[in-house]
Amino acid sequence: MRVRRLLRPFAGLIPTLLLTWTLVFGALQLVPGDPVELMLANSQASEQAVAATRTKLGLDRPVWLQYVTFLGHAVTGDFGNSFRTREPVTKMIGDQLPATLWLSAGGLLFGLIFGTLLGVVAGLRPDGWIDTSIMTIALAGVSMPGFWVAMLLIQIFATSLGWLPVLGSGPTALILPSISVGLFLVGGLARLVRSSLIEVLGQDYVRTARAKGLPEARVVIKHALRNAAIPPLSLLGVQFALLIGGAVVTETVFARPGIGAMLVTAVLEKDYPLVQGIAVWTTAACVLVNLLIDLLYTILDPRARLV
């Protein structure tokens, strides 16, 4: 039964990837504009040159054949060359991916630390002024648009106070973008940790631990937090995709390198190979992260091992 439980998340891996990659291909086909005309807009190319370029890029083939070719590239990870720069797509993504990973990791770290901390404090002191204040902050963090938060952070901490830089590649230049990306995670995580902790603290085994005279810190950390962490863990799987999506806006506002800014340019210019490559790698990463979280359930919740 334990082996079946561990293998169960893998059963939906291939259908999920196939569905997401199909949606990516279909959405890209619906974007208006001709990529060949965009490529040759400034060269005054003849109709013969346009047709030859379309044939060379494989855009004259039926849509179903382009779809099959796309799936083949998705499986192998080789998407050829970019329409716009003629560079290998894999190399372009590899050059920009570290910057996005650092930004996503910074946002995730910020969200985990402050979201968990605020949620625990509110859960231990529910229905008081501290709880109300924290939940107000959490609601604001979830509600505020990412681009507005980014511009507000720039105005306060960079322009007015001059504490942190807007541009650059060092650790200090990563602070404001990380806060901008991770703020929505703080709000959602704090609310979920609070409600989960309040529910767990009302369980019989927690009251029994307190009746035995165990220190409150041990009761909360060893008995309550471990079980209260299960619902927030499921949230992280969903929020990981939003972290990547938030990087698109944040990288644009802060003029940072990364696959988010590169994706915006690729979509506007209908650079099929580059858009498809970025979409395939990011969706695969999201699916794998959710798969990892499913496996972590068996560590945090012993009952899941018996299912």
C-alpha atoms as a PDB file:
ATOM      1  CA  MET A   1       0.000   0.000   0.000  1.00  0.00           C
ATOM      2  CA  ARG A   2       2.859   2.383   0.739  1.00  0.00           C
ATOM      3  CA  VAL A   3       4.367   1.787  -2.710  1.00  0.00           C
ATOM      4  CA  ARG A   4       0.993   2.412  -4.336  1.00  0.00           C
ATOM      5  CA  ARG A   5       0.634   5.666  -2.387  1.00  0.00           C
ATOM      6  CA  LEU A   6       4.077   6.835  -3.515  1.00  0.00           C
ATOM      7  CA  LEU A   7       3.420   5.953  -7.154  1.00  0.00           C
ATOM      8  CA  ARG A   8      -0.058   7.456  -7.289  1.00  0.00           C
ATOM      9  CA  PRO A   9       1.078  11.058  -7.973  1.00  0.00           C
ATOM     10  CA  PHE A  10       3.100   9.858 -10.970  1.00  0.00           C
ATOM     11  CA  ALA A  11      -0.064   8.507 -12.644  1.00  0.00           C
ATOM     12  CA  GLY A  12      -1.297  11.991 -13.525  1.00  0.00           C
ATOM     13  CA  LEU A  13       2.092  13.367 -14.542  1.00  0.00           C
ATOM     14  CA  ILE A  14       1.932  12.644 -18.281  1.00  0.00           C
ATOM     15  CA  PRO A  15      -1.754  13.635 -18.786  1.00  0.00           C
ATOM     16  CA  THR A  16      -1.170  16.895 -16.917  1.00  0.00           C
ATOM     17  CA  LEU A  17       1.870  17.791 -19.007  1.00  0.00           C
ATOM     18  CA  LEU A  18       0.078  16.839 -22.219  1.00  0.00           C
ATOM     19  CA  LEU A  19      -2.927  18.997 -21.344  1.00  0.00           C
ATOM     20  CA  THR A  20      -0.876  22.047 -20.360  1.00  0.00           C
ATOM     21  CA  TRP A  21       1.369  21.810 -23.417  1.00  0.00           C
ATOM     22  CA  THR A  22      -1.685  21.473 -25.669  1.00  0.00           C
ATOM     23  CA  LEU A  23      -3.224  24.585 -24.136  1.00  0.00           C
ATOM     24  CA  VAL A  24       0.050  26.458 -24.663  1.00  0.00           C
ATOM     25  CA  PHE A  25       0.173  25.470 -28.333  1.00  0.00           C
ATOM     26  CA  GLY A  26      -3.483  26.358 -28.895  1.00  0.00           C
ATOM     27  CA  ALA A  27      -3.222  29.727 -27.143  1.00  0.00           C
ATOM     28  CA  LEU A  28      -0.186  30.661 -29.201  1.00  0.00           C
ATOM     29  CA  GLN A  29      -2.056  29.883 -32.411  1.00  0.00           C
ATOM     30  CA  LEU A  30      -4.789  32.305 -31.381  1.00  0.00           C
ATOM     31  CA  VAL A  31      -2.416  35.249 -30.881  1.00  0.00           C
ATOM     32  CA  PRO A  32      -2.984  37.647 -33.811  1.00  0.00           C
ATOM     33  CA  GLY A  33      -0.152  38.456 -36.194  1.00  0.00           C
ATOM     34  CA  ASP A  34       2.207  36.628 -38.523  1.00  0.00           C
ATOM     35  CA  PRO A  35       5.634  35.830 -37.024  1.00  0.00           C
ATOM     36  CA  VAL A  36       7.291  35.902 -40.454  1.00  0.00           C
ATOM     37  CA  GLU A  37       5.935  39.356 -41.231  1.00  0.00           C
ATOM     38  CA  LEU A  38       7.135  40.552 -37.834  1.00  0.00           C
ATOM     39  CA  MET A  39      10.589  39.124 -38.532  1.00  0.00           C
ATOM     40  CA  LEU A  40      10.855  40.773 -41.956  1.00  0.00           C
ATOM     41  CA  ALA A  41       8.975  43.983 -41.160  1.00  0.00           C
ATOM     42  CA  ASN A  42      11.999  46.250 -41.619  1.00  0.00           C
ATOM     43  CA  SER A  43      13.623  44.423 -44.518  1.00  0.00           C
ATOM     44  CA  GLN A  44      10.988  45.124 -47.222  1.00  0.00           C
ATOM     45  CA  ALA A  45      11.150  41.480 -48.273  1.00  0.00           C
ATOM     46  CA  SER A  46       9.250  40.250 -51.322  1.00  0.00           C
ATOM     47  CA  GLU A  47       6.327  37.843 -51.159  1.00  0.00           C
ATOM     48  CA  GLN A  48       8.634  35.076 -52.409  1.00  0.00           C
ATOM     49  CA  ALA A  49      11.072  35.743 -49.565  1.00  0.00           C
ATOM     50  CA  VAL A  50       8.220  35.709 -47.037  1.00  0.00           C
ATOM     51  CA  ALA A  51       6.923  32.406 -48.414  1.00  0.00           C
ATOM     52  CA  ALA A  52      10.419  30.896 -48.419  1.00  0.00           C
ATOM     53  CA  THR A  53      10.969  31.954 -44.808  1.00  0.00           C
ATOM     54  CA  ARG A  54       7.614  30.499 -43.774  1.00  0.00           C
ATOM     55  CA  THR A  55       8.531  27.203 -45.444  1.00  0.00           C
ATOM     56  CA  LYS A  56      11.965  27.182 -43.807  1.00  0.00           C
ATOM     57  CA  LEU A  57      10.428  27.675 -40.373  1.00  0.00           C
ATOM     58  CA  GLY A  58       7.781  25.033 -40.961  1.00  0.00           C
ATOM     59  CA  LEU A  59       4.887  27.472 -40.621  1.00  0.00           C
ATOM     60  CA  ASP A  60       3.379  26.423 -43.944  1.00  0.00           C
ATOM     61  CA  ARG A  61       2.607  22.936 -42.632  1.00  0.00           C
ATOM     62  CA  PRO A  62      -0.841  21.947 -41.323  1.00  0.00           C
ATOM     63  CA  VAL A  63      -1.575  22.899 -37.719  1.00  0.00           C
ATOM     64  CA  TRP A  64      -1.863  19.278 -36.619  1.00  0.00           C
ATOM     65  CA  LEU A  65       1.600  18.534 -37.997  1.00  0.00           C
ATOM     66  CA  GLN A  66       3.016  21.584 -36.218  1.00  0.00           C
ATOM     67  CA  TYR A  67       1.369  20.298 -33.025  1.00  0.00           C
ATOM     68  CA  VAL A  68       2.944  16.863 -33.363  1.00  0.00           C
ATOM     69  CA  THR A  69       6.333  18.478 -34.018  1.00  0.00           C
ATOM     70  CA  PHE A  70       5.876  20.671 -30.952  1.00  0.00           C
ATOM     71  CA  LEU A  71       5.129  17.653 -28.760  1.00  0.00           C
ATOM     72  CA  GLY A  72       8.228  15.927 -30.094  1.00  0.00           C
ATOM     73  CA  HIS A  73      10.315  18.959 -29.187  1.00  0.00           C
ATOM     74  CA  ALA A  74       8.670  19.105 -25.751  1.00  0.00           C
ATOM     75  CA  VAL A  75       9.665  15.514 -24.997  1.00  0.00           C
ATOM     76  CA  THR A  76      13.263  15.965 -26.162  1.00  0.00           C
ATOM     77  CA  GLY A  77      13.695  19.502 -24.817  1.00  0.00           C
ATOM     78  CA  ASP A  78      15.143  20.750 -28.117  1.00  0.00           C
ATOM     79  CA  PHE A  79      13.082  23.600 -29.603  1.00  0.00           C
ATOM     80  CA  GLY A  80      15.486  24.634 -32.332  1.00  0.00           C
ATOM     81  CA  ASN A  81      16.377  28.279 -32.844  1.00  0.00           C
ATOM     82  CA  SER A  82      14.518  31.443 -31.964  1.00  0.00           C
ATOM     83  CA  PHE A  83      12.704  33.131 -34.848  1.00  0.00           C
ATOM     84  CA  ARG A  84      13.924  36.508 -33.683  1.00  0.00           C
ATOM     85  CA  THR A  85      17.571  36.003 -32.722  1.00  0.00           C
ATOM     86  CA  ARG A  86      18.305  32.663 -34.469  1.00  0.00           C
ATOM     87  CA  GLU A  87      19.996  31.481 -31.269  1.00  0.00           C
ATOM     88  CA  PRO A  88      19.249  28.044 -29.808  1.00  0.00           C
ATOM     89  CA  VAL A  89      16.198  28.285 -27.568  1.00  0.00           C
ATOM     90  CA  THR A  90      17.742  25.994 -24.963  1.00  0.00           C
ATOM     91  CA  LYS A  91      20.764  28.266 -24.663  1.00  0.00           C
ATOM     92  CA  MET A  92      18.611  31.399 -24.384  1.00  0.00           C
ATOM     93  CA  ILE A  93      16.532  29.871 -21.599  1.00  0.00           C
ATOM     94  CA  GLY A  94      19.630  28.562 -19.850  1.00  0.00           C
ATOM     95  CA  ASP A  95      21.213  32.030 -19.897  1.00  0.00           C
ATOM     96  CA  GLN A  96      18.166  33.737 -18.347  1.00  0.00           C
ATOM     97  CA  LEU A  97      16.878  30.970 -16.077  1.00  0.00           C
ATOM     98  CA  PRO A  98      19.293  31.537 -13.139  1.00  0.00           C
ATOM     99  CA  ALA A  99      18.099  35.141 -12.717  1.00  0.00           C
ATOM    100  CA  THR A 100      14.464  34.025 -12.566  1.00  0.00           C
ATOM    101  CA  LEU A 101      15.279  31.189 -10.184  1.00  0.00           C
ATOM    102  CA  TRP A 102      17.043  33.586  -7.811  1.00  0.00           C
ATOM    103  CA  LEU A 103      14.067  35.929  -7.920  1.00  0.00           C
ATOM    104  CA  SER A 104      11.553  33.120  -7.361  1.00  0.00           C
ATOM    105  CA  ALA A 105      13.663  31.677  -4.539  1.00  0.00           C
ATOM    106  CA  GLY A 106      13.882  35.090  -2.893  1.00  0.00           C
ATOM    107  CA  GLY A 107      10.117  35.568  -3.143  1.00  0.00           C
ATOM    108  CA  LEU A 108       9.478  32.063  -1.829  1.00  0.00           C
ATOM    109  CA  LEU A 109      11.826  32.574   1.121  1.00  0.00           C
ATOM    110  CA  PHE A 110      10.242  35.917   1.986  1.00  0.00           C
ATOM    111  CA  GLY A 111       6.743  34.478   1.705  1.00  0.00           C
ATOM    112  CA  LEU A 112       7.516  31.362   3.753  1.00  0.00           C
ATOM    113  CA  ILE A 113       9.226  33.206   6.601  1.00  0.00           C
ATOM    114  CA  PHE A 114       6.807  36.067   7.073  1.00  0.00           C
ATOM    115  CA  GLY A 115       3.670  34.170   6.041  1.00  0.00           C
ATOM    116  CA  THR A 116       4.352  31.373   8.519  1.00  0.00           C
ATOM    117  CA  LEU A 117       5.410  33.767  11.275  1.00  0.00           C
ATOM    118  CA  LEU A 118       2.333  35.983  10.933  1.00  0.00           C
ATOM    119  CA  GLY A 119       0.031  32.976  10.656  1.00  0.00           C
ATOM    120  CA  VAL A 120       1.431  31.359  13.807  1.00  0.00           C
ATOM    121  CA  VAL A 121       1.185  34.570  15.833  1.00  0.00           C
ATOM    122  CA  ALA A 122      -2.403  35.134  14.687  1.00  0.00           C
ATOM    123  CA  GLY A 123      -3.330  31.485  15.315  1.00  0.00           C
ATOM    124  CA  LEU A 124      -1.970  31.527  18.859  1.00  0.00           C
ATOM    125  CA  ARG A 125      -3.843  34.752  19.701  1.00  0.00           C
ATOM    126  CA  PRO A 126      -7.112  34.535  17.737  1.00  0.00           C
ATOM    127  CA  ASP A 127      -9.894  37.128  17.844  1.00  0.00           C
ATOM    128  CA  GLY A 128      -7.734  39.823  19.367  1.00  0.00           C
ATOM    129  CA  TRP A 129      -6.290  43.060  18.042  1.00  0.00           C
ATOM    130  CA  ILE A 130      -3.084  41.270  16.996  1.00  0.00           C
ATOM    131  CA  ASP A 131      -5.066  38.738  15.000  1.00  0.00           C
ATOM    132  CA  THR A 132      -7.160  41.479  13.374  1.00  0.00           C
ATOM    133  CA  SER A 133      -4.090  43.530  12.454  1.00  0.00           C
ATOM    134  CA  ILE A 134      -2.268  40.552  10.948  1.00  0.00           C
ATOM    135  CA  MET A 135      -5.286  39.421   8.925  1.00  0.00           C
ATOM    136  CA  THR A 136      -5.699  42.986   7.618  1.00  0.00           C
ATOM    137  CA  ILE A 137      -2.091  42.955   6.452  1.00  0.00           C
ATOM    138  CA  ALA A 138      -2.599  39.511   4.920  1.00  0.00           C
ATOM    139  CA  LEU A 139      -5.701  40.637   3.048  1.00  0.00           C
ATOM    140  CA  ALA A 140      -3.839  43.671   1.728  1.00  0.00           C
ATOM    141  CA  GLY A 141      -0.969  41.474   0.556  1.00  0.00           C
ATOM    142  CA  VAL A 142      -3.329  39.224  -1.397  1.00  0.00           C
ATOM    143  CA  SER A 143      -5.347  42.083  -2.864  1.00  0.00           C
ATOM    144  CA  MET A 144      -2.669  44.512  -4.067  1.00  0.00           C
ATOM    145  CA  PRO A 145      -1.542  44.053  -7.710  1.00  0.00           C
ATOM    146  CA  GLY A 146       2.077  43.015  -8.154  1.00  0.00           C
ATOM    147  CA  PHE A 147       3.032  45.880 -10.453  1.00  0.00           C
ATOM    148  CA  TRP A 148       1.590  48.436  -8.006  1.00  0.00           C
ATOM    149  CA  VAL A 149       3.490  46.873  -5.099  1.00  0.00           C
ATOM    150  CA  ALA A 150       6.707  46.952  -7.142  1.00  0.00           C
ATOM    151  CA  MET A 151       6.314  50.632  -8.006  1.00  0.00           C
ATOM    152  CA  LEU A 152       5.390  51.478  -4.395  1.00  0.00           C
ATOM    153  CA  LEU A 153       8.511  49.714  -3.102  1.00  0.00           C
ATOM    154  CA  ILE A 154      10.666  51.572  -5.615  1.00  0.00           C
ATOM    155  CA  GLN A 155       9.158  54.919  -4.632  1.00  0.00           C
ATOM    156  CA  ILE A 156       9.558  54.391  -0.864  1.00  0.00           C
ATOM    157  CA  PHE A 157      12.758  52.393  -0.369  1.00  0.00           C
ATOM    158  CA  ALA A 158      14.745  53.356  -3.469  1.00  0.00           C
ATOM    159  CA  THR A 159      13.677  56.860  -4.494  1.00  0.00           C
ATOM    160  CA  SER A 160      12.589  58.486  -1.220  1.00  0.00           C
ATOM    161  CA  LEU A 161      14.747  56.723   1.388  1.00  0.00           C
ATOM    162  CA  GLY A 162      17.580  55.563  -0.868  1.00  0.00           C
ATOM    163  CA  TRP A 163      18.087  52.401   1.185  1.00  0.00           C
ATOM    164  CA  LEU A 164      18.064  49.863  -1.637  1.00  0.00           C
ATOM    165  CA  PRO A 165      18.972  49.959  -5.332  1.00  0.00           C
ATOM    166  CA  VAL A 166      16.497  49.341  -8.124  1.00  0.00           C
ATOM    167  CA  LEU A 167      18.978  48.102 -10.709  1.00  0.00           C
ATOM    168  CA  GLY A 168      21.921  45.763 -10.289  1.00  0.00           C
ATOM    169  CA  SER A 169      22.789  42.121  -9.858  1.00  0.00           C
ATOM    170  CA  GLY A 170      23.958  41.900  -6.242  1.00  0.00           C
ATOM    171  CA  PRO A 171      22.032  40.578  -3.221  1.00  0.00           C
ATOM    172  CA  THR A 172      20.774  44.043  -2.246  1.00  0.00           C
ATOM    173  CA  ALA A 173      19.245  44.539  -5.697  1.00  0.00           C
ATOM    174  CA  LEU A 174      17.262  41.332  -5.167  1.00  0.00           C
ATOM    175  CA  ILE A 175      15.509  42.462  -1.963  1.00  0.00           C
ATOM    176  CA  LEU A 176      12.803  44.712  -3.421  1.00  0.00           C
ATOM    177  CA  PRO A 177      11.912  42.354  -6.314  1.00  0.00           C
ATOM    178  CA  SER A 178      11.725  39.418  -3.882  1.00  0.00           C
ATOM    179  CA  ILE A 179       9.328  41.323  -1.626  1.00  0.00           C
ATOM    180  CA  SER A 180       7.206  42.255  -4.629  1.00  0.00           C
ATOM    181  CA  VAL A 181       6.995  38.639  -5.802  1.00  0.00           C
ATOM    182  CA  GLY A 182       6.514  37.076  -2.368  1.00  0.00           C
ATOM    183  CA  LEU A 183       4.038  39.497  -0.794  1.00  0.00           C
ATOM    184  CA  PHE A 184       0.967  37.720  -2.143  1.00  0.00           C
ATOM    185  CA  LEU A 185       2.375  34.452  -0.742  1.00  0.00           C
ATOM    186  CA  VAL A 186       2.676  36.082   2.689  1.00  0.00           C
ATOM    187  CA  GLY A 187      -1.022  36.975   2.681  1.00  0.00           C
ATOM    188  CA  GLY A 188      -2.340  33.623   1.519  1.00  0.00           C
ATOM    189  CA  LEU A 189       0.000  31.584   3.693  1.00  0.00           C
ATOM    190  CA  ALA A 190      -0.673  33.634   6.845  1.00  0.00           C
ATOM    191  CA  ARG A 191      -4.436  33.205   6.515  1.00  0.00           C
ATOM    192  CA  LEU A 192      -4.188  29.460   5.901  1.00  0.00           C
ATOM    193  CA  VAL A 193      -1.627  28.833   8.673  1.00  0.00           C
ATOM    194  CA  ARG A 194      -3.809  30.755  11.132  1.00  0.00           C
ATOM    195  CA  SER A 195      -7.006  28.826  10.372  1.00  0.00           C
ATOM    196  CA  SER A 196      -5.187  25.485  10.283  1.00  0.00           C
ATOM    197  CA  LEU A 197      -3.394  26.143  13.577  1.00  0.00           C
ATOM    198  CA  ILE A 198      -6.600  27.190  15.329  1.00  0.00           C
ATOM    199  CA  GLU A 199      -8.274  23.969  14.198  1.00  0.00           C
ATOM    200  CA  VAL A 200      -5.367  21.773  15.293  1.00  0.00           C
ATOM    201  CA  LEU A 201      -5.038  23.438  18.701  1.00  0.00           C
ATOM    202  CA  GLY A 202      -8.629  22.424  19.418  1.00  0.00           C
ATOM    203  CA  GLN A 203      -7.978  18.721  18.849  1.00  0.00           C
ATOM    204  CA  ASP A 204      -8.058  16.178  21.684  1.00  0.00           C
ATOM    205  CA  TYR A 205      -4.402  15.142  21.366  1.00  0.00           C
ATOM    206  CA  VAL A 206      -3.298  18.750  21.883  1.00  0.00           C
ATOM    207  CA  ARG A 207      -5.429  19.082  24.991  1.00  0.00           C
ATOM    208  CA  THR A 208      -4.000  15.775  26.220  1.00  0.00           C
ATOM    209  CA  ALA A 209      -0.438  17.020  25.675  1.00  0.00           C
ATOM    210  CA  ARG A 210      -1.209  20.150  27.675  1.00  0.00           C
ATOM    211  CA  ALA A 211      -2.865  18.094  30.423  1.00  0.00           C
ATOM    212  CA  LYS A 212       0.350  16.061  30.755  1.00  0.00           C
ATOM    213  CA  GLY A 213       2.154  19.286  31.631  1.00  0.00           C
ATOM    214  CA  LEU A 214       4.232  19.615  28.478  1.00  0.00           C
ATOM    215  CA  PRO A 215       5.675  23.096  27.850  1.00  0.00           C
ATOM    216  CA  GLU A 216       3.511  25.214  25.571  1.00  0.00           C
ATOM    217  CA  ALA A 217       6.358  25.691  23.094  1.00  0.00           C
ATOM    218  CA  ARG A 218       6.755  21.916  22.737  1.00  0.00           C
ATOM    219  CA  VAL A 219       3.013  21.435  22.339  1.00  0.00           C
ATOM    220  CA  VAL A 220       2.850  24.023  19.567  1.00  0.00           C
ATOM    221  CA  ILE A 221       6.031  23.047  17.697  1.00  0.00           C
ATOM    222  CA  LYS A 222       5.971  19.252  18.007  1.00  0.00           C
ATOM    223  CA  HIS A 223       2.256  18.468  18.114  1.00  0.00           C
ATOM    224  CA  ALA A 224       0.394  21.362  16.508  1.00  0.00           C
ATOM    225  CA  LEU A 225       2.591  22.856  13.803  1.00  0.00           C
ATOM    226  CA  ARG A 226       3.412  19.562  12.112  1.00  0.00           C
ATOM    227  CA  ASN A 227      -0.247  18.788  11.489  1.00  0.00           C
ATOM    228  CA  ALA A 228      -1.143  22.415  10.804  1.00  0.00           C
ATOM    229  CA  ALA A 229       1.504  22.531   8.059  1.00  0.00           C
ATOM    230  CA  ILE A 230      -0.330  20.075   5.799  1.00  0.00           C
ATOM    231  CA  PRO A 231      -2.947  22.479   4.302  1.00  0.00           C
ATOM    232  CA  PRO A 232      -0.398  25.309   3.765  1.00  0.00           C
ATOM    233  CA  LEU A 233       1.872  22.807   2.024  1.00  0.00           C
ATOM    234  CA  SER A 234      -0.785  22.235  -0.620  1.00  0.00           C
ATOM    235  CA  LEU A 235      -0.993  25.997  -1.113  1.00  0.00           C
ATOM    236  CA  LEU A 236       2.699  26.177  -1.964  1.00  0.00           C
ATOM    237  CA  GLY A 237       2.203  23.894  -4.932  1.00  0.00           C
ATOM    238  CA  VAL A 238      -0.334  26.293  -6.424  1.00  0.00           C
ATOM    239  CA  GLN A 239       1.598  29.407  -5.445  1.00  0.00           C
ATOM    240  CA  PHE A 240       4.784  28.199  -7.133  1.00  0.00           C
ATOM    241  CA  ALA A 241       3.185  28.784 -10.524  1.00  0.00           C
ATOM    242  CA  LEU A 242       2.117  32.260  -9.370  1.00  0.00           C
ATOM    243  CA  LEU A 243       5.691  32.984  -8.309  1.00  0.00           C
ATOM    244  CA  ILE A 244       6.840  32.313 -11.875  1.00  0.00           C
ATOM    245  CA  GLY A 245       3.981  34.411 -13.218  1.00  0.00           C
ATOM    246  CA  GLY A 246       4.771  37.221 -10.797  1.00  0.00           C
ATOM    247  CA  ALA A 247       8.352  37.187 -12.014  1.00  0.00           C
ATOM    248  CA  VAL A 248       7.112  38.292 -15.450  1.00  0.00           C
ATOM    249  CA  VAL A 249       5.716  41.545 -14.048  1.00  0.00           C
ATOM    250  CA  THR A 250       8.490  42.073 -11.513  1.00  0.00           C
ATOM    251  CA  GLU A 251      11.312  41.571 -14.006  1.00  0.00           C
ATOM    252  CA  THR A 252       9.648  44.094 -16.316  1.00  0.00           C
ATOM    253  CA  VAL A 253       9.132  46.733 -13.613  1.00  0.00           C
ATOM    254  CA  PHE A 254      12.627  46.368 -12.142  1.00  0.00           C
ATOM    255  CA  ALA A 255      14.265  45.917 -15.574  1.00  0.00           C
ATOM    256  CA  ARG A 256      15.812  42.642 -14.453  1.00  0.00           C
ATOM    257  CA  PRO A 257      16.977  39.870 -16.761  1.00  0.00           C
ATOM    258  CA  GLY A 258      15.087  36.590 -16.694  1.00  0.00           C
ATOM    259  CA  ILE A 259      12.729  34.356 -18.595  1.00  0.00           C
ATOM    260  CA  GLY A 260       9.746  36.507 -17.591  1.00  0.00           C
ATOM    261  CA  ALA A 261      10.931  39.583 -19.470  1.00  0.00           C
ATOM    262  CA  MET A 262      12.111  37.376 -22.322  1.00  0.00           C
ATOM    263  CA  LEU A 263       8.681  35.719 -22.508  1.00  0.00           C
ATOM    264  CA  VAL A 264       6.904  39.061 -22.875  1.00  0.00           C
ATOM    265  CA  THR A 265       9.087  39.983 -25.866  1.00  0.00           C
ATOM    266  CA  ALA A 266       8.698  36.528 -27.395  1.00  0.00           C
ATOM    267  CA  VAL A 267       4.880  36.635 -27.172  1.00  0.00           C
ATOM    268  CA  LEU A 268       4.687  40.102 -28.715  1.00  0.00           C
ATOM    269  CA  GLU A 269       6.861  38.979 -31.633  1.00  0.00           C
ATOM    270  CA  LYS A 270       5.210  35.531 -31.915  1.00  0.00           C
ATOM    271  CA  ASP A 271       8.519  33.783 -31.472  1.00  0.00           C
ATOM    272  CA  TYR A 272       6.964  30.317 -31.404  1.00  0.00           C
ATOM    273  CA  PRO A 273      10.032  28.240 -30.452  1.00  0.00           C
ATOM    274  CA  LEU A 274      11.015  30.535 -27.582  1.00  0.00           C
ATOM    275  CA  VAL A 275       7.490  30.856 -26.165  1.00  0.00           C
ATOM    276  CA  GLN A 276       6.945  27.124 -26.408  1.00  0.00           C
ATOM    277  CA  GLY A 277      10.301  26.363 -24.820  1.00  0.00           C
ATOM    278  CA  ILE A 278       9.678  28.668 -21.857  1.00  0.00           C
ATOM    279  CA  ALA A 279       6.144  27.343 -21.400  1.00  0.00           C
ATOM    280  CA  VAL A 280       7.259  23.709 -21.503  1.00  0.00           C
ATOM    281  CA  TRP A 281      10.048  24.168 -18.974  1.00  0.00           C
ATOM    282  CA  THR A 282       7.969  26.254 -16.551  1.00  0.00           C
ATOM    283  CA  THR A 283       4.920  23.976 -16.658  1.00  0.00           C
ATOM    284  CA  ALA A 284       7.121  20.929 -16.204  1.00  0.00           C
ATOM    285  CA  ALA A 285       8.746  22.602 -13.192  1.00  0.00           C
ATOM    286  CA  CYS A 286       5.328  23.405 -11.663  1.00  0.00           C
ATOM    287  CA  VAL A 287       4.093  19.844 -12.177  1.00  0.00           C
ATOM    288  CA  LEU A 288       7.251  18.396 -10.614  1.00  0.00           C
ATOM    289  CA  VAL A 289       7.004  20.732  -7.613  1.00  0.00           C
ATOM    290  CA  ASN A 290       3.409  19.653  -7.005  1.00  0.00           C
ATOM    291  CA  LEU A 291       4.517  16.043  -7.353  1.00  0.00           C
ATOM    292  CA  LEU A 292       7.189  16.613  -4.722  1.00  0.00           C
ATOM    293  CA  ILE A 293       4.620  18.168  -2.393  1.00  0.00           C
ATOM    294  CA  ASP A 294       2.360  15.139  -2.804  1.00  0.00           C
ATOM    295  CA  LEU A 295       5.254  12.934  -1.753  1.00  0.00           C
ATOM    296  CA  LEU A 296       5.971  15.150   1.249  1.00  0.00           C
ATOM    297  CA  TYR A 297       2.461  14.471   2.535  1.00  0.00           C
ATOM    298  CA  THR A 298       3.559  10.957   3.440  1.00  0.00           C
ATOM    299  CA  ILE A 299       6.302  12.414   5.638  1.00  0.00           C
ATOM    300  CA  LEU A 300       4.171  14.992   7.471  1.00  0.00           C
ATOM    301  CA  ASP A 301       1.004  12.896   7.755  1.00  0.00           C
ATOM    302  CA  PRO A 302       1.521   9.204   8.669  1.00  0.00           C
ATOM    303  CA  ARG A 303      -2.146   8.541   7.872  1.00  0.00           C
ATOM    304  CA  ALA A 304      -1.445   9.202   4.188  1.00  0.00           C
ATOM    305  CA  ARG A 305       0.900   6.207   4.109  1.00  0.00           C
ATOM    306  CA  LEU A 306      -1.999   3.898   4.824  1.00  0.00           C
ATOM    307  CA  VAL A 307      -4.216   5.145   2.000  1.00  0.00           C
END
